[in-house]
Amino acid sequence: MKTFRGVFTALVTPFTKYGLVDQDALRDIIEFQIASGVDGLVPCGTTGESPTLSHSEHDRVIADTVAISAGRVPVIAGTGSNATSEAVRLSKHAEAAGVDAILLVNPYYNKPTQKGLYLHFRTIADSVKIPCIVYNIKGRTGVNVETDTLVKLANDCPNIIAVKEASGSLEQMKDVIARTPDHFSVLSGDDNMALSLIESGGDGVISVASNLLPSQMMEMVHAGLDGDFGKARELESVLSPFFGACFVETNPIPVKTAMAHYGWCEEEFRLPMCSLESEEHRKTILDSLAAINVTKKA
């Protein structure tokens, strides 16, 4: 049996107008996600602005997500870093806090060799006992985890049991699916590629859009996982404009802007992330949601 299938929300990290982590908003967002039936929560990933969180904030957001969710859904904590020693520390803390798994982004800026990537991920995996998910996103990190490297990690490290594939290459994703063990989960890192990945034998998505549209994403992805691609593609056609709008500027600026509009958080970011560069983009984002029944915060 595969451990990870379905929709896992890459949570935004809400901030107050004073720039602090907004604990109340975080609680409300998590409760909304759980009530909407998502398959899991992913704090402190790219969408959670993890590079701008202090170590204490990073630890606190993960611990709070575990405490608030209280075992109702799995928590997959983003604990990657470009320094292996730092990723080990973050991962050990997350394990002690009670997360169900960790998400490990490619080491960014360093541009390690494939040997370096293998040693990096293996060192982290060996430091914990919980499941590990490799997060392959060349566009953010400057380096691709080649399939040979990923297959070696999957075979050599019993607790590396999934990958979040955000390479943008469906052919690479298909190759990963074909060559990894049967228990290994392949999750899309892009909402707009989730169904194509599932059609190719993949297992779901770590989603940006589900921050605002959790029930809609669940309906679409699980229709695909159940083999009803007619229904799934019909739902995708409605959601697709928002998938595109989520990347009119750098993630998570658009989705957080949309969430603020609907009352879920303040429209606050940590520099160098900032508010929208273009008000035309705001119109694009909000217009993309016009045909969707969006839940407003009560």
Foldseek 3Di string as FASTA:
>chain_A
DAPDFFEEEADAQFADPVGHGDLVLLLVLLVVLVVLPGQYYEYLDVQNVNVQDDPVRLLVSLLSSCVSCVPSHAYEYEQEELDLVSSLVSLVSSVVSPGQEYEYEQNAPVQDDLVVRLVSVVVSLVSDDHAYEYEAACVGGVYGNQLVSVQCSLVVRVRDAEYADAPVDLVRLLVNQVRHDPRHAYAYAALLCFLVSLVSPHGYYHDHQCSFVVNLSRVLRVCSNVVNNVVNVVSCVLQVLLSVLCVPDDPPQLSLLVLVVLPSHPSDDDPVDHHDPDVVSVVSNVVSCPSPDTDGDD
